[in-house]
Amino acid sequence: MTHSVNSILSQIRSYQGQVGQARQMTAADVPRSDAIAVQGGIGGLQGVGGTTGVAAPSFGATLRNAIEGVNGAQQRSGELVRAFELGEPGADLAKVMVAAQQSQVAFRATVEVRNRLVQAYQDVMNMPL
């Protein structure tokens, strides 16, 4: 199970990288809560090549992208299963089984990440003030 958690975490990190590369934010684009590291990078530092720092995508956006990826895997798996059941020529049993296993592992990893997040939230809420 630890392997699947590591797999989903690496997927989340790759989604973060993709989102960060796809959208270059300016200070005007960033909401107030995320505006700490935008103007000139953190502490006025500039990135490689003299570019200013780019705000990292929000946790919510990263989590949403990961869940959409799991949903997409489950939908592709369902489509392949239906195609195989209908006897369509492009859907062989190996593809169906691999897609089903991929969607199952992705879903289990997502549930495990959710459980860890809930446990972390409960731990923080139970901390004494």
C-alpha atoms as a PDB file:
ATOM      1  CA  MET A   1       0.000   0.000   0.000  1.00  0.00           C
ATOM      2  CA  THR A   2       2.950   2.320   0.644  1.00  0.00           C
ATOM      3  CA  HIS A   3       3.977   1.935  -2.983  1.00  0.00           C
ATOM      4  CA  SER A   4       0.570   3.160  -4.151  1.00  0.00           C
ATOM      5  CA  VAL A   5       0.700   6.136  -1.765  1.00  0.00           C
ATOM      6  CA  ASN A   6       4.124   7.036  -3.124  1.00  0.00           C
ATOM      7  CA  SER A   7       2.746   6.641  -6.634  1.00  0.00           C
ATOM      8  CA  ILE A   8      -0.157   9.036  -6.030  1.00  0.00           C
ATOM      9  CA  LEU A   9       2.157  11.524  -4.326  1.00  0.00           C
ATOM     10  CA  SER A  10       4.475  11.458  -7.329  1.00  0.00           C
ATOM     11  CA  GLN A  11       1.443  12.013  -9.571  1.00  0.00           C
ATOM     12  CA  ILE A  12       0.403  14.987  -7.454  1.00  0.00           C
ATOM     13  CA  ARG A  13       3.914  16.423  -7.713  1.00  0.00           C
ATOM     14  CA  SER A  14       3.932  15.952 -11.485  1.00  0.00           C
ATOM     15  CA  TYR A  15       0.551  17.693 -11.719  1.00  0.00           C
ATOM     16  CA  GLN A  16       1.966  20.535  -9.649  1.00  0.00           C
ATOM     17  CA  GLY A  17       4.872  20.836 -12.051  1.00  0.00           C
ATOM     18  CA  GLN A  18       2.589  20.774 -15.079  1.00  0.00           C
ATOM     19  CA  VAL A  19       0.295  23.419 -13.634  1.00  0.00           C
ATOM     20  CA  GLY A  20       3.257  25.561 -12.607  1.00  0.00           C
ATOM     21  CA  GLN A  21       4.764  25.404 -16.089  1.00  0.00           C
ATOM     22  CA  ALA A  22       1.454  25.980 -17.844  1.00  0.00           C
ATOM     23  CA  ARG A  23       0.568  29.151 -15.997  1.00  0.00           C
ATOM     24  CA  GLN A  24       2.982  31.958 -15.290  1.00  0.00           C
ATOM     25  CA  MET A  25       1.334  34.197 -12.710  1.00  0.00           C
ATOM     26  CA  THR A  26       1.832  37.862 -12.097  1.00  0.00           C
ATOM     27  CA  ALA A  27       1.163  39.635  -8.818  1.00  0.00           C
ATOM     28  CA  ALA A  28      -2.224  40.839 -10.114  1.00  0.00           C
ATOM     29  CA  ASP A  29      -3.328  37.249 -10.890  1.00  0.00           C
ATOM     30  CA  VAL A  30      -2.647  35.901  -7.408  1.00  0.00           C
ATOM     31  CA  PRO A  31      -5.255  36.045  -4.644  1.00  0.00           C
ATOM     32  CA  ARG A  32      -4.228  37.737  -1.396  1.00  0.00           C
ATOM     33  CA  SER A  33      -3.595  34.465   0.478  1.00  0.00           C
ATOM     34  CA  ASP A  34      -1.108  33.210  -2.146  1.00  0.00           C
ATOM     35  CA  ALA A  35       0.667  36.496  -2.857  1.00  0.00           C
ATOM     36  CA  ILE A  36       3.676  35.976  -0.552  1.00  0.00           C
ATOM     37  CA  ALA A  37       6.183  34.696  -3.085  1.00  0.00           C
ATOM     38  CA  VAL A  38       5.183  36.326  -6.337  1.00  0.00           C
ATOM     39  CA  GLN A  39       6.661  39.783  -6.697  1.00  0.00           C
ATOM     40  CA  GLY A  40      10.343  39.230  -7.426  1.00  0.00           C
ATOM     41  CA  GLY A  41      10.361  35.784  -5.827  1.00  0.00           C
ATOM     42  CA  ILE A  42      10.722  35.111  -2.124  1.00  0.00           C
ATOM     43  CA  GLY A  43      12.561  37.931  -0.438  1.00  0.00           C
ATOM     44  CA  GLY A  44      13.165  39.641  -3.768  1.00  0.00           C
ATOM     45  CA  LEU A  45      15.194  36.709  -5.130  1.00  0.00           C
ATOM     46  CA  GLN A  46      14.954  35.984  -8.791  1.00  0.00           C
ATOM     47  CA  GLY A  47      14.741  32.589 -10.442  1.00  0.00           C
ATOM     48  CA  VAL A  48      17.203  31.051 -12.875  1.00  0.00           C
ATOM     49  CA  GLY A  49      17.973  33.330 -15.793  1.00  0.00           C
ATOM     50  CA  GLY A  50      16.758  36.465 -14.019  1.00  0.00           C
ATOM     51  CA  THR A  51      13.065  35.558 -14.139  1.00  0.00           C
ATOM     52  CA  THR A  52      10.864  36.350 -11.204  1.00  0.00           C
ATOM     53  CA  GLY A  53       9.492  33.583  -8.973  1.00  0.00           C
ATOM     54  CA  VAL A  54       6.297  31.824  -9.969  1.00  0.00           C
ATOM     55  CA  ALA A  55       3.660  31.069  -7.369  1.00  0.00           C
ATOM     56  CA  ALA A  56       3.104  27.381  -6.815  1.00  0.00           C
ATOM     57  CA  PRO A  57      -0.338  26.057  -7.658  1.00  0.00           C
ATOM     58  CA  SER A  58      -2.696  25.818  -4.730  1.00  0.00           C
ATOM     59  CA  PHE A  59      -3.147  22.554  -2.880  1.00  0.00           C
ATOM     60  CA  GLY A  60      -6.803  22.486  -3.860  1.00  0.00           C
ATOM     61  CA  ALA A  61      -5.990  22.774  -7.555  1.00  0.00           C
ATOM     62  CA  THR A  62      -3.365  20.050  -7.294  1.00  0.00           C
ATOM     63  CA  LEU A  63      -5.740  17.747  -5.451  1.00  0.00           C
ATOM     64  CA  ARG A  64      -8.515  18.478  -7.952  1.00  0.00           C
ATOM     65  CA  ASN A  65      -6.199  17.577 -10.853  1.00  0.00           C
ATOM     66  CA  ALA A  66      -5.188  14.329  -9.157  1.00  0.00           C
ATOM     67  CA  ILE A  67      -8.820  13.365  -8.518  1.00  0.00           C
ATOM     68  CA  GLU A  68      -9.732  14.225 -12.097  1.00  0.00           C
ATOM     69  CA  GLY A  69      -6.905  11.936 -13.235  1.00  0.00           C
ATOM     70  CA  VAL A  70      -8.272   9.082 -11.127  1.00  0.00           C
ATOM     71  CA  ASN A  71     -11.766   9.755 -12.468  1.00  0.00           C
ATOM     72  CA  GLY A  72     -10.431   9.712 -16.027  1.00  0.00           C
ATOM     73  CA  ALA A  73      -8.686   6.377 -15.415  1.00  0.00           C
ATOM     74  CA  GLN A  74     -11.915   4.896 -14.060  1.00  0.00           C
ATOM     75  CA  GLN A  75     -13.918   6.199 -17.020  1.00  0.00           C
ATOM     76  CA  ARG A  76     -11.382   4.800 -19.529  1.00  0.00           C
ATOM     77  CA  SER A  77     -11.510   1.474 -17.716  1.00  0.00           C
ATOM     78  CA  GLY A  78     -15.301   1.427 -17.842  1.00  0.00           C
ATOM     79  CA  GLU A  79     -15.297   2.272 -21.534  1.00  0.00           C
ATOM     80  CA  LEU A  80     -12.835  -0.545 -22.278  1.00  0.00           C
ATOM     81  CA  VAL A  81     -14.919  -3.001 -20.243  1.00  0.00           C
ATOM     82  CA  ARG A  82     -18.059  -2.043 -22.178  1.00  0.00           C
ATOM     83  CA  ALA A  83     -16.218  -2.268 -25.482  1.00  0.00           C
ATOM     84  CA  PHE A  84     -14.903  -5.725 -24.565  1.00  0.00           C
ATOM     85  CA  GLU A  85     -18.352  -6.907 -23.482  1.00  0.00           C
ATOM     86  CA  LEU A  86     -19.822  -5.697 -26.778  1.00  0.00           C
ATOM     87  CA  GLY A  87     -17.084  -7.513 -28.694  1.00  0.00           C
ATOM     88  CA  GLU A  88     -15.551  -4.477 -30.355  1.00  0.00           C
ATOM     89  CA  PRO A  89     -12.347  -5.383 -32.226  1.00  0.00           C
ATOM     90  CA  GLY A  90      -9.972  -2.891 -30.507  1.00  0.00           C
ATOM     91  CA  ALA A  91     -10.698  -4.024 -26.943  1.00  0.00           C
ATOM     92  CA  ASP A  92      -8.692  -7.096 -26.008  1.00  0.00           C
ATOM     93  CA  LEU A  93      -8.730  -8.678 -22.574  1.00  0.00           C
ATOM     94  CA  ALA A  94      -5.190  -7.600 -21.687  1.00  0.00           C
ATOM     95  CA  LYS A  95      -5.973  -3.914 -22.223  1.00  0.00           C
ATOM     96  CA  VAL A  96      -9.171  -4.226 -20.206  1.00  0.00           C
ATOM     97  CA  MET A  97      -7.422  -5.924 -17.276  1.00  0.00           C
ATOM     98  CA  VAL A  98      -4.525  -3.446 -17.229  1.00  0.00           C
ATOM     99  CA  ALA A  99      -6.895  -0.468 -17.325  1.00  0.00           C
ATOM    100  CA  ALA A 100      -9.023  -1.969 -14.555  1.00  0.00           C
ATOM    101  CA  GLN A 101      -5.963  -2.566 -12.354  1.00  0.00           C
ATOM    102  CA  GLN A 102      -4.637   0.944 -12.995  1.00  0.00           C
ATOM    103  CA  SER A 103      -7.936   2.544 -12.031  1.00  0.00           C
ATOM    104  CA  GLN A 104      -8.222   0.320  -8.960  1.00  0.00           C
ATOM    105  CA  VAL A 105      -4.714   1.198  -7.749  1.00  0.00           C
ATOM    106  CA  ALA A 106      -5.288   4.895  -8.405  1.00  0.00           C
ATOM    107  CA  PHE A 107      -8.562   4.819  -6.464  1.00  0.00           C
ATOM    108  CA  ARG A 108      -7.034   2.953  -3.524  1.00  0.00           C
ATOM    109  CA  ALA A 109      -4.143   5.401  -3.414  1.00  0.00           C
ATOM    110  CA  THR A 110      -6.561   8.331  -3.478  1.00  0.00           C
ATOM    111  CA  VAL A 111      -8.537   6.850  -0.592  1.00  0.00           C
ATOM    112  CA  GLU A 112      -5.293   6.305   1.343  1.00  0.00           C
ATOM    113  CA  VAL A 113      -4.210   9.910   0.768  1.00  0.00           C
ATOM    114  CA  ARG A 114      -7.641  11.070   1.890  1.00  0.00           C
ATOM    115  CA  ASN A 115      -7.375   8.965   5.032  1.00  0.00           C
ATOM    116  CA  ARG A 116      -3.955  10.418   5.802  1.00  0.00           C
ATOM    117  CA  LEU A 117      -5.228  13.963   5.298  1.00  0.00           C
ATOM    118  CA  VAL A 118      -8.196  13.328   7.593  1.00  0.00           C
ATOM    119  CA  GLN A 119      -5.882  11.829  10.220  1.00  0.00           C
ATOM    120  CA  ALA A 120      -3.534  14.824   9.970  1.00  0.00           C
ATOM    121  CA  TYR A 121      -6.494  17.204  10.329  1.00  0.00           C
ATOM    122  CA  GLN A 122      -7.712  15.327  13.398  1.00  0.00           C
ATOM    123  CA  ASP A 123      -4.214  15.388  14.906  1.00  0.00           C
ATOM    124  CA  VAL A 124      -3.997  19.146  14.404  1.00  0.00           C
ATOM    125  CA  MET A 125      -7.463  19.670  15.868  1.00  0.00           C
ATOM    126  CA  ASN A 126      -6.569  17.601  18.936  1.00  0.00           C
ATOM    127  CA  MET A 127      -3.403  19.579  19.679  1.00  0.00           C
ATOM    128  CA  PRO A 128      -3.559  21.527  22.906  1.00  0.00           C
ATOM    129  CA  LEU A 129      -3.533  25.293  22.596  1.00  0.00           C
END
